[in-house]
Each structure stands twice: as C-alpha cells, then as structure tokens.
C-alpha cells in the first residue's frame, strides 16, 4: 500500500502530472505572438476610447476639434478587428456552429474538426493573398486627414489573416486533442 502525499500550502508543490489529462500548450513562439496580438488589440481599443472621448469633449470645446481623431478611431477599429483573427482561431474563440458537435462523436468528430480547420486556413490564406494584392495596387495613396499610407492599413488584415492561417493549420494537426473552452476573461 503506497502512502499518498499530502501537499501543504507552504511546502513544495508536486510536479505536474504528465498523463493524457495534461492540456497541450502552444509553442512559445505562438504564445508570444498571441501576447503581441492582444497587446495591439488593447492599444487599439484604448485608442478608440480616447478618440471618442476627444470627439465628445471637442463638441463642447471647439478649439479641440480635429478631423483626424474620427479617422483614428475608425482605423483603430479596423486594427482591432483584424489583428484578433489569428488569436481567436487559435484559442477556439471564433464563431462556430456547434450543432454537429453534438451529433458526431469519436473519430468522425476529429475529421470534422480537421476539415473545418483546413477550410478556415484556406480562406484565411486567400484573404492574405487579397490583402497583398491591395498593398501592391495602392502603394502611394494616403488617408484624408492623417495621411497614413493606405498600404499600412491593408498590412494589418494581412498579418491577422496570416496568423489565422498558421493557427488554423495547426488546429488541423491537433484536431484529436480536446478543445479548451474559450474564456475571454482569461486572455493568455
């Protein structure tokens, strides 16, 4: 009869068990990339908040009126939307229709997950190609108020969809693993 170890709160913690129940972790490079995506998204969200606040205040203080602030808020929304594509695909946070999840079980469910991840990756790759074509088509155009080169605004969706492509194809090969439910409050 083996003695069970008792763990005290102040004492050393036992090593994590390495069994089939241990969750798979993404490689460090993908976790770092996800942290960068979240940081950029938080910066864009803060910019949107401050830009809208500036617009509200400038209605009462006309000297603060600046046409570029509305453009800044609009383009920050674009950045926020597209930079999070890869993060949400990689962390099971994208919109899915889970009806088939309850009907199909076992190996067929793994095939469904792999095929849907492959299609997601192909669609993201096509959108990367389109963003690249737009960058090539308008290399000298700029925005009206701020003078931001248009190609930089197309580069953000290209990066987001490239990240989505990589993460979707990773999900093809990890389809047999259990999905971790997405929890937006637990951003990693």
Protein backbone atom coordinates (compact mmCIF):
# COMPACT_ATOMS: atom_id res chain seq x y z
CA UNK A 1 0.00 0.00 0.00
CA UNK A 2 1.52 3.28 -1.10
CA UNK A 3 1.22 6.36 1.03
CA UNK A 4 -0.49 9.35 -0.57
CA UNK A 5 1.50 12.54 -0.42
CA UNK A 6 -0.08 15.41 1.41
CA UNK A 7 0.59 18.84 -0.03
CA UNK A 8 0.75 21.73 2.38
CA UNK A 9 0.12 25.27 1.11
CA UNK A 10 3.55 26.45 2.31
CA UNK A 11 5.52 23.39 1.27
CA UNK A 12 6.89 22.38 -2.11
CA UNK A 13 4.34 21.63 -4.77
CA UNK A 14 4.38 18.26 -6.53
CA UNK A 15 5.38 18.21 -10.21
CA UNK A 16 2.50 18.37 -12.68
CA UNK A 17 1.26 15.01 -13.81
CA UNK A 18 2.22 14.08 -17.33
CA UNK A 19 -0.67 11.96 -18.39
CA UNK A 20 -3.30 12.12 -21.10
CA UNK A 21 -5.24 14.64 -19.00
CA UNK A 22 -2.49 17.26 -19.22
CA UNK A 23 -3.51 20.03 -21.64
CA UNK A 24 -1.48 20.72 -24.75
CA UNK A 25 0.29 24.07 -24.79
CA UNK A 26 1.13 26.03 -27.88
CA UNK A 27 4.82 26.53 -28.66
CA UNK A 28 6.39 29.58 -27.04
CA UNK A 29 6.60 31.47 -30.32
CA UNK A 30 2.82 31.20 -30.83
CA UNK A 31 2.13 32.23 -27.24
CA UNK A 32 4.41 35.25 -27.69
CA UNK A 33 2.68 36.12 -30.97
CA UNK A 34 -0.71 35.84 -29.22
CA UNK A 35 0.51 38.20 -26.49
CA UNK A 36 1.60 40.71 -29.14
CA UNK A 37 -1.79 40.43 -30.86
CA UNK A 38 -3.56 41.05 -27.55
CA UNK A 39 -1.30 43.99 -26.78
CA UNK A 40 -2.03 45.58 -30.17
CA UNK A 41 -5.76 44.94 -29.70
CA UNK A 42 -5.70 46.57 -26.26
CA UNK A 43 -3.83 49.55 -27.69
CA UNK A 44 -6.42 49.86 -30.50
CA UNK A 45 -9.29 49.62 -28.01
CA UNK A 46 -7.71 52.32 -25.84
CA UNK A 47 -7.22 54.49 -28.92
CA UNK A 48 -10.87 54.07 -29.86
CA UNK A 49 -11.98 55.02 -26.35
CA UNK A 50 -9.73 58.09 -26.19
CA UNK A 51 -10.68 59.18 -29.72
CA UNK A 52 -14.39 59.01 -28.99
CA UNK A 53 -13.83 60.83 -25.69
CA UNK A 54 -11.89 63.51 -27.60
CA UNK A 55 -14.78 63.87 -30.06
CA UNK A 56 -17.29 64.29 -27.25
CA UNK A 57 -15.16 66.89 -25.48
CA UNK A 58 -14.47 68.77 -28.71
CA UNK A 59 -18.21 69.33 -29.17
CA UNK A 60 -18.12 71.49 -26.05
CA UNK A 61 -14.64 72.93 -26.59
CA UNK A 62 -14.45 73.83 -30.29
CA UNK A 63 -10.75 74.68 -30.07
CA UNK A 64 -10.04 70.95 -29.63
CA UNK A 65 -11.85 69.96 -32.81
CA UNK A 66 -9.58 67.88 -35.04
CA UNK A 67 -10.81 65.90 -38.08
CA UNK A 68 -8.08 63.28 -37.67
CA UNK A 69 -9.50 61.94 -34.42
CA UNK A 70 -12.53 60.40 -36.13
CA UNK A 71 -10.29 58.79 -38.73
CA UNK A 72 -8.03 57.50 -35.97
CA UNK A 73 -10.99 55.86 -34.22
CA UNK A 74 -12.24 54.29 -37.45
CA UNK A 75 -8.88 52.83 -38.39
CA UNK A 76 -8.28 51.63 -34.83
CA UNK A 77 -11.50 49.63 -35.13
CA UNK A 78 -10.12 48.04 -38.30
CA UNK A 79 -6.88 47.17 -36.49
CA UNK A 80 -8.78 45.73 -33.52
CA UNK A 81 -10.98 43.60 -35.76
CA UNK A 82 -8.33 42.09 -37.98
CA UNK A 83 -5.45 41.70 -35.57
CA UNK A 84 -7.56 39.38 -33.40
CA UNK A 85 -8.40 36.91 -36.20
CA UNK A 86 -5.45 34.61 -35.52
CA UNK A 87 -5.78 34.83 -31.75
CA UNK A 88 -9.44 33.84 -31.83
CA UNK A 89 -8.89 30.98 -34.28
CA UNK A 90 -6.00 29.64 -32.22
CA UNK A 91 -7.83 29.83 -28.91
CA UNK A 92 -11.20 28.46 -30.01
CA UNK A 93 -12.77 31.89 -29.70
CA UNK A 94 -14.05 32.28 -33.25
CA UNK A 95 -17.71 31.94 -34.12
CA UNK A 96 -18.71 28.34 -34.74
CA UNK A 97 -21.91 26.46 -35.31
CA UNK A 98 -21.70 23.64 -32.81
CA UNK A 99 -24.76 21.65 -33.84
CA UNK A 100 -22.62 18.98 -35.48
CA UNK A 101 -20.51 18.74 -32.31
CA UNK A 102 -23.46 17.14 -30.55
CA UNK A 103 -24.33 14.76 -33.40
CA UNK A 104 -20.94 13.43 -34.47
CA UNK A 105 -18.74 11.64 -31.94
CA UNK A 106 -15.37 9.93 -31.88
CA UNK A 107 -13.13 9.73 -34.92
CA UNK A 108 -15.75 11.38 -37.18
CA UNK A 109 -15.72 14.42 -34.89
CA UNK A 110 -11.92 14.67 -35.24
CA UNK A 111 -12.31 14.55 -39.03
CA UNK A 112 -14.96 17.29 -38.93
CA UNK A 113 -12.69 19.49 -36.78
CA UNK A 114 -9.71 18.90 -39.08
CA UNK A 115 -11.67 19.59 -42.27
CA UNK A 116 -13.26 22.75 -40.87
CA UNK A 117 -9.83 23.98 -39.68
CA UNK A 118 -8.39 23.27 -43.13
CA UNK A 119 -11.15 25.28 -44.81
CA UNK A 120 -10.62 28.10 -42.31
CA UNK A 121 -6.91 28.06 -43.13
CA UNK A 122 -7.55 28.11 -46.86
CA UNK A 123 -9.97 31.04 -46.56
CA UNK A 124 -7.50 32.96 -44.40
CA UNK A 125 -4.73 32.25 -46.92
CA UNK A 126 -6.93 33.58 -49.74
CA UNK A 127 -7.59 36.73 -47.73
CA UNK A 128 -3.83 37.16 -47.13
CA UNK A 129 -3.38 36.99 -50.91
CA UNK A 130 -6.08 39.62 -51.45
CA UNK A 131 -4.58 41.93 -48.82
CA UNK A 132 -1.20 41.58 -50.54
CA UNK A 133 -2.81 42.44 -53.88
CA UNK A 134 -4.35 45.58 -52.34
CA UNK A 135 -0.99 46.61 -50.88
CA UNK A 136 0.56 46.26 -54.34
CA UNK A 137 -2.32 48.13 -56.01
CA UNK A 138 -2.23 51.25 -53.81
CA UNK A 139 1.35 51.87 -52.67
CA UNK A 140 1.19 55.68 -52.73
CA UNK A 141 -2.34 56.52 -51.54
CA UNK A 142 -2.85 58.04 -48.09
CA UNK A 143 -5.81 58.67 -45.81
CA UNK A 144 -7.54 62.03 -45.98
CA UNK A 145 -6.98 63.55 -42.54
CA UNK A 146 -3.96 61.79 -41.05
CA UNK A 147 -2.04 60.98 -44.22
CA UNK A 148 -1.49 57.35 -43.20
CA UNK A 149 -0.31 55.28 -46.16
CA UNK A 150 -3.16 53.02 -47.25
CA UNK A 151 -0.82 50.04 -47.64
CA UNK A 152 -0.24 50.03 -43.86
CA UNK A 153 -3.98 49.71 -43.32
CA UNK A 154 -4.02 46.69 -45.63
CA UNK A 155 -0.98 45.21 -43.88
CA UNK A 156 -2.92 44.79 -40.62
CA UNK A 157 -5.56 42.46 -42.13
CA UNK A 158 -2.80 40.65 -43.97
CA UNK A 159 -0.97 39.99 -40.68
CA UNK A 160 -4.18 38.97 -38.92
CA UNK A 161 -5.18 36.54 -41.66
CA UNK A 162 -1.62 35.18 -41.90
CA UNK A 163 -1.78 34.46 -38.19
CA UNK A 164 -5.20 32.88 -38.70
CA UNK A 165 -3.80 30.70 -41.50
CA UNK A 166 -0.97 29.41 -39.32
CA UNK A 167 -3.22 28.77 -36.34
CA UNK A 168 -5.92 27.09 -38.45
CA UNK A 169 -3.41 24.68 -39.97
CA UNK A 170 -2.04 23.94 -36.51
CA UNK A 171 -5.61 23.09 -35.49
CA UNK A 172 -5.76 20.63 -38.40
CA UNK A 173 -2.93 18.64 -36.85
CA UNK A 174 -4.20 18.99 -33.28
CA UNK A 175 -7.82 18.13 -34.07
CA UNK A 176 -7.63 14.97 -31.98
CA UNK A 177 -6.91 16.99 -28.85
CA UNK A 178 -9.70 18.18 -26.61
CA UNK A 179 -10.69 21.81 -27.24
CA UNK A 180 -10.32 24.15 -24.33
CA UNK A 181 -13.46 26.31 -24.00
CA UNK A 182 -12.71 29.94 -24.82
CA UNK A 183 -12.87 32.27 -21.85
CA UNK A 184 -12.41 35.91 -22.84
CA UNK A 185 -11.66 36.89 -19.25
CA UNK A 186 -8.69 34.52 -19.24
CA UNK A 187 -6.65 36.09 -22.03
CA UNK A 188 -3.30 34.39 -22.17
